[in-house]
Amino acid sequence: MDSDDAELDQLQAAYKEAVEIWVAAIRAEEALASVHHSVVELDAWENAHFAAEDARAKAEATKAAYEGVLRSRLFGFD
């Protein structure tokens, strides 16, 4: 394995991990949406939504980093 592949593998793994965290956050939000809501539960549900959005943003950032390096290597541009 050369260092180019190692870097791509690392970026790909980071992206996959970020997506898994995002999926878990979505499932946590969904679970809170499926119960009878009190004010406390509503706040928890809303906070879960914000956590899912943060996880989505991180997944998109890691995808962009991976995709940018991949495009540069495959096509020679950024």
Protein backbone atom coordinates (compact mmCIF):
# COMPACT_ATOMS: atom_id res chain seq x y z
CA MET A 1 0.00 0.00 0.00
CA ASP A 2 1.46 3.33 -0.91
CA SER A 3 1.03 6.50 1.10
CA ASP A 4 -1.53 7.86 -1.38
CA ASP A 5 -3.80 4.89 -0.77
CA ALA A 6 -3.24 5.11 2.98
CA GLU A 7 -4.38 8.72 3.01
CA LEU A 8 -7.47 7.90 0.93
CA ASP A 9 -8.23 4.91 3.16
CA GLN A 10 -8.00 7.13 6.23
CA LEU A 11 -10.27 9.78 4.71
CA GLN A 12 -12.76 7.14 3.60
CA ALA A 13 -12.79 5.55 7.06
CA ALA A 14 -13.37 8.94 8.68
CA TYR A 15 -16.29 9.56 6.33
CA LYS A 16 -17.82 6.16 7.04
CA GLU A 17 -17.48 6.71 10.79
CA ALA A 18 -19.08 10.15 10.52
CA VAL A 19 -22.01 8.68 8.58
CA GLU A 20 -22.48 5.97 11.22
CA ILE A 21 -22.57 8.64 13.93
CA TRP A 22 -25.09 10.61 11.88
CA VAL A 23 -27.29 7.54 11.42
CA ALA A 24 -27.18 6.85 15.17
CA ALA A 25 -28.17 10.46 15.87
CA ILE A 26 -31.09 10.19 13.45
CA ARG A 27 -32.25 6.99 15.15
CA ALA A 28 -32.01 8.66 18.56
CA GLU A 29 -34.12 11.55 17.29
CA GLU A 30 -36.64 9.16 15.77
CA ALA A 31 -36.93 7.22 19.02
CA LEU A 32 -37.76 10.40 20.91
CA ALA A 33 -40.38 11.32 18.30
CA SER A 34 -42.19 8.06 18.99
CA VAL A 35 -43.11 8.70 22.63
CA HIS A 36 -45.72 10.80 24.40
CA HIS A 37 -44.16 14.21 24.82
CA SER A 38 -43.94 16.22 27.98
CA VAL A 39 -42.07 19.51 28.00
CA VAL A 40 -38.91 17.68 29.09
CA GLU A 41 -39.32 15.05 26.38
CA LEU A 42 -40.00 17.74 23.80
CA ASP A 43 -36.78 19.49 24.79
CA ALA A 44 -34.87 16.19 24.53
CA TRP A 45 -36.39 15.56 21.09
CA GLU A 46 -35.42 19.04 19.92
CA ASN A 47 -31.89 18.59 21.28
CA ALA A 48 -31.67 15.24 19.47
CA HIS A 49 -32.61 17.03 16.26
CA PHE A 50 -29.79 19.54 16.77
CA ALA A 51 -27.36 16.68 17.48
CA ALA A 52 -28.45 14.96 14.26
CA GLU A 53 -27.93 18.18 12.31
CA ASP A 54 -24.46 18.61 13.82
CA ALA A 55 -23.63 15.01 12.90
CA ARG A 56 -24.90 15.61 9.36
CA ALA A 57 -22.67 18.66 9.00
CA LYS A 58 -19.65 16.67 10.19
CA ALA A 59 -20.47 13.84 7.76
CA GLU A 60 -20.73 16.32 4.91
CA ALA A 61 -17.41 17.92 5.87
CA THR A 62 -15.62 14.57 6.00
CA LYS A 63 -17.20 13.62 2.66
CA ALA A 64 -15.98 16.84 1.10
CA ALA A 65 -12.45 16.25 2.38
CA TYR A 66 -12.39 12.68 1.09
CA GLU A 67 -14.00 13.61 -2.21
CA GLY A 68 -11.63 16.52 -2.74
CA VAL A 69 -8.52 14.40 -2.36
CA LEU A 70 -10.05 11.59 -4.41
CA ARG A 71 -10.95 13.95 -7.28
CA SER A 72 -7.51 15.49 -7.17
CA ARG A 73 -5.85 12.07 -7.38
CA LEU A 74 -8.16 10.64 -10.04
CA PHE A 75 -8.69 13.68 -12.22
CA GLY A 76 -5.82 15.99 -11.33
CA PHE A 77 -7.91 18.91 -10.12
CA ASP A 78 -9.41 20.23 -6.89
